[in-house]
N, C-alpha and C. Protein backbone atom coordinates (compact mmCIF):
# COMPACT_ATOMS: atom_id res chain seq x y z
N UNK A 1 -11.98 -10.82 6.31
CA UNK A 1 -12.14 -10.04 5.44
C UNK A 1 -12.28 -8.52 5.82
N UNK A 2 -11.70 -7.47 4.94
CA UNK A 2 -11.56 -6.10 4.99
C UNK A 2 -13.14 -5.47 4.53
N UNK A 3 -13.61 -4.56 5.34
CA UNK A 3 -14.85 -3.85 4.76
C UNK A 3 -14.47 -2.44 4.38
N UNK A 4 -15.24 -1.97 3.65
CA UNK A 4 -14.90 -0.36 3.33
C UNK A 4 -14.73 0.37 4.57
N UNK A 5 -13.90 1.31 4.57
CA UNK A 5 -13.62 2.01 5.57
C UNK A 5 -12.67 1.34 6.74
N UNK A 6 -12.43 0.11 6.80
CA UNK A 6 -11.58 -0.53 7.73
C UNK A 6 -10.27 -0.63 7.28
N UNK A 7 -9.28 -0.16 8.15
CA UNK A 7 -7.94 -0.21 7.94
C UNK A 7 -7.51 -1.53 7.55
N UNK A 8 -6.39 -1.51 6.81
CA UNK A 8 -5.85 -2.75 6.66
C UNK A 8 -4.51 -2.81 7.66
N UNK A 9 -4.20 -3.96 8.11
CA UNK A 9 -3.15 -4.59 8.77
C UNK A 9 -1.78 -4.13 8.07
N UNK A 10 -0.99 -3.26 8.81
CA UNK A 10 0.17 -2.71 8.20
C UNK A 10 1.16 -3.63 7.91
N UNK A 11 1.01 -4.97 8.21
CA UNK A 11 2.03 -6.01 7.81
C UNK A 11 1.46 -6.63 6.34
N UNK A 12 0.46 -6.18 6.13
CA UNK A 12 -0.13 -6.80 4.64
C UNK A 12 0.22 -5.71 3.52
N UNK A 13 0.69 -4.41 3.67
CA UNK A 13 1.05 -3.60 2.73
C UNK A 13 2.43 -3.04 3.09
N UNK A 14 2.79 -2.39 1.66
CA UNK A 14 4.14 -1.49 1.74
C UNK A 14 4.06 -0.65 0.86
N UNK A 15 4.89 0.63 1.01
CA UNK A 15 4.73 1.68 0.23
C UNK A 15 6.13 2.20 -0.57
N UNK A 16 6.08 1.95 -1.69
CA UNK A 16 7.52 2.36 -2.35
C UNK A 16 7.21 3.61 -3.22
N UNK A 17 8.36 4.20 -3.33
CA UNK A 17 8.49 5.65 -3.95
C UNK A 17 9.33 5.30 -5.36
N UNK A 18 8.64 5.75 -6.61
CA UNK A 18 9.34 5.58 -7.63
C UNK A 18 10.24 6.75 -7.86
N UNK A 19 11.18 6.80 -9.13
CA UNK A 19 12.15 7.75 -9.35
C UNK A 19 11.22 8.96 -9.61
N UNK A 20 10.10 8.77 -10.34
CA UNK A 20 9.42 9.94 -10.84
C UNK A 20 8.47 10.54 -9.55
N UNK A 21 8.80 10.10 -8.35
CA UNK A 21 8.06 10.50 -7.39
C UNK A 21 6.53 9.81 -6.99
N UNK A 22 6.01 9.09 -7.97
CA UNK A 22 4.74 8.21 -7.75
C UNK A 22 5.09 7.35 -6.67
N UNK A 23 4.03 7.21 -5.81
CA UNK A 23 4.07 6.09 -4.84
C UNK A 23 3.27 4.83 -5.19
N UNK A 24 3.87 3.88 -5.04
CA UNK A 24 3.44 2.29 -5.24
C UNK A 24 2.91 1.66 -3.88
N UNK A 25 1.77 1.15 -3.78
CA UNK A 25 1.09 0.70 -2.71
C UNK A 25 1.37 -0.91 -3.22
N UNK A 26 1.96 -1.74 -2.41
CA UNK A 26 1.73 -3.23 -2.65
C UNK A 26 0.87 -3.85 -1.45
N UNK A 27 -0.34 -4.61 -1.74
CA UNK A 27 -0.96 -5.06 -0.97
C UNK A 27 -0.83 -6.48 -1.11
N UNK A 28 -0.11 -7.20 0.20
CA UNK A 28 0.12 -8.75 -0.10
C UNK A 28 -1.14 -9.42 -0.30
N UNK A 29 -1.16 -10.55 -1.01
CA UNK A 29 -2.50 -11.28 -1.33
C UNK A 29 -2.22 -12.69 -0.41
N UNK A 30 -3.09 -12.94 0.37
CA UNK A 30 -3.38 -13.89 1.10
C UNK A 30 -4.97 -14.58 1.06
N UNK A 31 -4.63 -15.87 0.50
CA UNK A 31 -6.16 -16.42 0.58
C UNK A 31 -6.42 -17.43 1.71
N UNK A 32 -7.55 -17.95 1.69
CA UNK A 32 -7.98 -18.91 3.14
C UNK A 32 -7.17 -20.05 2.98
N UNK A 33 -6.58 -20.38 1.75
CA UNK A 33 -5.89 -21.82 1.68
C UNK A 33 -4.47 -21.51 1.50
N UNK A 34 -3.77 -20.32 1.41
CA UNK A 34 -2.47 -20.34 1.24
C UNK A 34 -2.02 -20.15 -0.04
N UNK A 35 -2.88 -20.04 -1.18
CA UNK A 35 -2.49 -19.85 -2.43
C UNK A 35 -1.83 -18.62 -2.83
N UNK A 36 -0.82 -18.77 -3.61
CA UNK A 36 -0.13 -17.57 -3.90
C UNK A 36 -0.60 -16.66 -4.95
N UNK A 37 -1.38 -15.83 -4.80
CA UNK A 37 -1.87 -14.87 -5.84
C UNK A 37 -1.05 -13.61 -5.94
N UNK A 38 -0.81 -13.05 -6.98
CA UNK A 38 -0.13 -11.68 -7.04
C UNK A 38 -0.32 -10.78 -6.23
N UNK A 39 0.44 -9.90 -5.97
CA UNK A 39 0.13 -8.59 -4.92
C UNK A 39 -0.92 -7.69 -5.84
N UNK A 40 -1.46 -6.94 -5.19
CA UNK A 40 -2.47 -6.02 -5.60
C UNK A 40 -1.68 -4.78 -5.79
N UNK A 41 -1.27 -4.00 -6.69
CA UNK A 41 -0.39 -2.87 -6.66
C UNK A 41 -1.30 -1.55 -7.23
N UNK A 42 -1.19 -0.41 -6.52
CA UNK A 42 -1.73 0.72 -6.59
C UNK A 42 -0.85 1.83 -6.96
N UNK A 43 -1.00 2.68 -7.74
CA UNK A 43 -0.13 3.88 -7.98
C UNK A 43 -0.97 5.22 -7.71
N UNK A 44 -0.10 6.15 -6.94
CA UNK A 44 -0.43 7.55 -6.62
C UNK A 44 0.40 8.25 -6.94
N UNK A 45 -0.06 9.45 -7.72
CA UNK A 45 0.76 10.57 -7.95
C UNK A 45 0.63 11.90 -7.22
N UNK A 46 1.31 12.89 -7.06
CA UNK A 46 0.94 14.05 -6.52
C UNK A 46 -0.19 14.53 -7.25
N UNK A 47 -1.05 15.06 -6.23
CA UNK A 47 -2.53 15.55 -6.91
C UNK A 47 -3.51 14.84 -6.74
N UNK A 48 -3.20 13.39 -6.66
CA UNK A 48 -4.35 12.28 -6.55
C UNK A 48 -4.85 12.53 -4.86
N UNK A 49 -6.18 12.19 -5.10
CA UNK A 49 -6.72 12.43 -3.69
C UNK A 49 -6.09 11.74 -2.38
N UNK A 50 -5.68 10.56 -2.67
CA UNK A 50 -4.93 9.68 -1.50
C UNK A 50 -3.63 9.88 -1.37
N UNK A 51 -3.07 10.63 -2.27
CA UNK A 51 -1.53 10.62 -2.34
C UNK A 51 -0.94 11.11 -1.04
N UNK A 52 -1.51 11.99 -0.23
CA UNK A 52 -1.08 12.59 1.01
C UNK A 52 -1.07 11.41 1.99
N UNK A 53 -2.20 10.69 2.21
CA UNK A 53 -2.40 9.48 3.06
C UNK A 53 -1.28 8.72 2.79
N UNK A 54 -0.99 8.10 1.52
CA UNK A 54 0.18 7.02 1.33
C UNK A 54 1.49 7.51 1.53
N UNK A 55 1.59 8.80 1.47
CA UNK A 55 3.04 9.47 1.58
C UNK A 55 3.30 9.53 3.06
N UNK A 56 2.17 9.67 3.86
CA UNK A 56 2.59 9.58 5.19
C UNK A 56 2.94 8.54 5.60
N UNK A 57 2.23 7.37 5.42
CA UNK A 57 2.55 5.81 5.47
C UNK A 57 3.79 5.45 4.94
N UNK A 58 4.28 6.15 3.93
CA UNK A 58 5.56 5.59 3.38
C UNK A 58 6.44 6.45 4.36
N UNK A 59 6.42 7.53 4.92
CA UNK A 59 7.46 7.99 5.81
C UNK A 59 7.23 7.31 7.21
N UNK A 60 6.13 6.67 7.62
CA UNK A 60 6.10 6.05 8.86
C UNK A 60 6.92 4.68 8.68
N UNK A 61 6.93 4.09 7.49
CA UNK A 61 7.56 2.80 7.42
C UNK A 61 9.34 2.96 7.40
N UNK A 62 9.65 4.13 6.96
CA UNK A 62 11.12 4.44 7.20
C UNK A 62 11.78 3.98 8.40
N UNK A 63 13.14 3.50 8.20
CA UNK A 63 13.55 3.39 9.59
C UNK A 63 14.16 4.68 10.11
N UNK A 64 14.20 4.68 11.36
CA UNK A 64 14.55 5.87 11.96
C UNK A 64 16.07 6.20 12.14
């Protein structure tokens, strides 16, 4: 279980950039019994307080 302020394991999420520049953050669902729940998806646009954080994560996951 993740608590407020605790970082998520980077294998559980991925960041995608949409054509309009918005960032989509997909958090993979994993339950205690392996049931397949849908991913949680969050969108951030330029000007959102967390946009810069997720944009940095987006660039980190890009292949070198």
